[in-house]
C-alpha atoms as a PDB file:
ATOM      1  CA  MET A   1    -119.726  10.947 -51.146  1.00  0.00           C
ATOM      2  CA  ASP A   2    -116.572  11.117 -53.185  1.00  0.00           C
ATOM      3  CA  LYS A   3    -113.288  13.093 -52.212  1.00  0.00           C
ATOM      4  CA  GLU A   4    -113.957  16.278 -55.289  1.00  0.00           C
ATOM      5  CA  ARG A   5    -117.318  17.045 -53.653  1.00  0.00           C
ATOM      6  CA  ALA A   6    -115.981  16.825 -50.177  1.00  0.00           C
ATOM      7  CA  TRP A   7    -113.359  19.323 -51.042  1.00  0.00           C
ATOM      8  CA  GLN A   8    -115.787  21.515 -52.604  1.00  0.00           C
ATOM      9  CA  SER A   9    -117.886  21.200 -49.376  1.00  0.00           C
ATOM     10  CA  ILE A  10    -114.919  21.727 -46.661  1.00  0.00           C
ATOM     11  CA  GLY A  11    -114.238  24.670 -48.939  1.00  0.00           C
ATOM     12  CA  GLN A  12    -117.611  26.471 -49.298  1.00  0.00           C
ATOM     13  CA  LEU A  13    -117.596  25.984 -45.191  1.00  0.00           C
ATOM     14  CA  TYR A  14    -114.420  27.791 -44.922  1.00  0.00           C
ATOM     15  CA  GLN A  15    -115.523  30.300 -47.443  1.00  0.00           C
ATOM     16  CA  ASP A  16    -118.676  30.934 -45.535  1.00  0.00           C
ATOM     17  CA  GLY A  17    -116.694  31.292 -42.317  1.00  0.00           C
ATOM     18  CA  LEU A  18    -118.019  28.367 -40.424  1.00  0.00           C
ATOM     19  CA  VAL A  19    -114.785  26.902 -40.025  1.00  0.00           C
ATOM     20  CA  SER A  20    -111.489  28.443 -39.768  1.00  0.00           C
ATOM     21  CA  LEU A  21    -108.398  27.559 -41.979  1.00  0.00           C
ATOM     22  CA  GLU A  22    -106.856  25.449 -39.667  1.00  0.00           C
ATOM     23  CA  GLN A  23    -110.031  23.203 -39.646  1.00  0.00           C
ATOM     24  CA  ALA A  24    -110.627  23.235 -43.052  1.00  0.00           C
ATOM     25  CA  VAL A  25    -106.630  22.129 -43.872  1.00  0.00           C
ATOM     26  CA  THR A  26    -107.496  19.371 -41.286  1.00  0.00           C
ATOM     27  CA  MET A  27    -110.676  17.856 -42.769  1.00  0.00           C
ATOM     28  CA  LEU A  28    -108.995  18.133 -45.929  1.00  0.00           C
ATOM     29  CA  ALA A  29    -105.877  16.679 -44.888  1.00  0.00           C
ATOM     30  CA  LEU A  30    -104.130  16.832 -48.207  1.00  0.00           C
ATOM     31  CA  THR A  31    -100.499  17.244 -46.672  1.00  0.00           C
ATOM     32  CA  ASP A  32     -98.791  15.675 -43.961  1.00  0.00           C
ATOM     33  CA  ALA A  33     -97.882  18.822 -42.375  1.00  0.00           C
ATOM     34  CA  PRO A  34    -100.644  20.940 -41.875  1.00  0.00           C
ATOM     35  CA  LYS A  35     -99.231  23.550 -39.962  1.00  0.00           C
ATOM     36  CA  GLU A  36     -96.927  24.361 -42.726  1.00  0.00           C
ATOM     37  CA  GLU A  37     -99.586  24.766 -45.388  1.00  0.00           C
ATOM     38  CA  ILE A  38    -101.402  26.700 -43.043  1.00  0.00           C
ATOM     39  CA  GLU A  39     -98.949  29.153 -42.361  1.00  0.00           C
ATOM     40  CA  ARG A  40     -97.909  29.072 -46.465  1.00  0.00           C
ATOM     41  CA  LEU A  41    -102.326  29.673 -47.474  1.00  0.00           C
ATOM     42  CA  GLN A  42    -101.958  32.560 -44.779  1.00  0.00           C
ATOM     43  CA  GLN A  43     -98.908  34.158 -46.579  1.00  0.00           C
ATOM     44  CA  ALA A  44     -99.989  33.569 -49.868  1.00  0.00           C
ATOM     45  CA  THR A  45    -103.118  35.585 -49.018  1.00  0.00           C
ATOM     46  CA  GLN A  46    -101.444  38.586 -47.644  1.00  0.00           C
ATOM     47  CA  LYS A  47     -99.474  39.219 -50.560  1.00  0.00           C
ATOM     48  CA  PRO A  48    -100.427  41.464 -53.250  1.00  0.00           C
ATOM     49  CA  GLN A  49    -102.276  40.385 -56.150  1.00  0.00           C
ATOM     50  CA  ASN A  50    -102.917  42.485 -59.718  1.00  0.00           C
ATOM     51  CA  GLY A  51    -100.190  44.860 -58.945  1.00  0.00           C
ATOM     52  CA  GLU A  52    -101.765  46.629 -56.327  1.00  0.00           C
ATOM     53  CA  VAL A  53     -99.361  48.023 -54.089  1.00  0.00           C
ATOM     54  CA  VAL A  54     -99.356  47.360 -50.125  1.00  0.00           C
ATOM     55  CA  LYS A  55     -98.123  49.705 -47.577  1.00  0.00           C
ATOM     56  CA  GLY A  56     -94.458  49.624 -46.695  1.00  0.00           C
ATOM     57  CA  ASP A  57     -93.883  48.037 -50.576  1.00  0.00           C
ATOM     58  CA  ASN A  58     -92.750  51.336 -52.136  1.00  0.00           C
END
């Protein structure tokens, strides 16, 4: 299996809720600092998109 296909498969497992974010990042092995990458991803998903206002930001 090539890398791109493996990444897509792992991403799909994460989207389907079959693996945690931590497991997906570890399986992808894209970084030498998986804990920091997980924190970065979690923070990015908490930020508002498309001008949405989050409670406490106004």
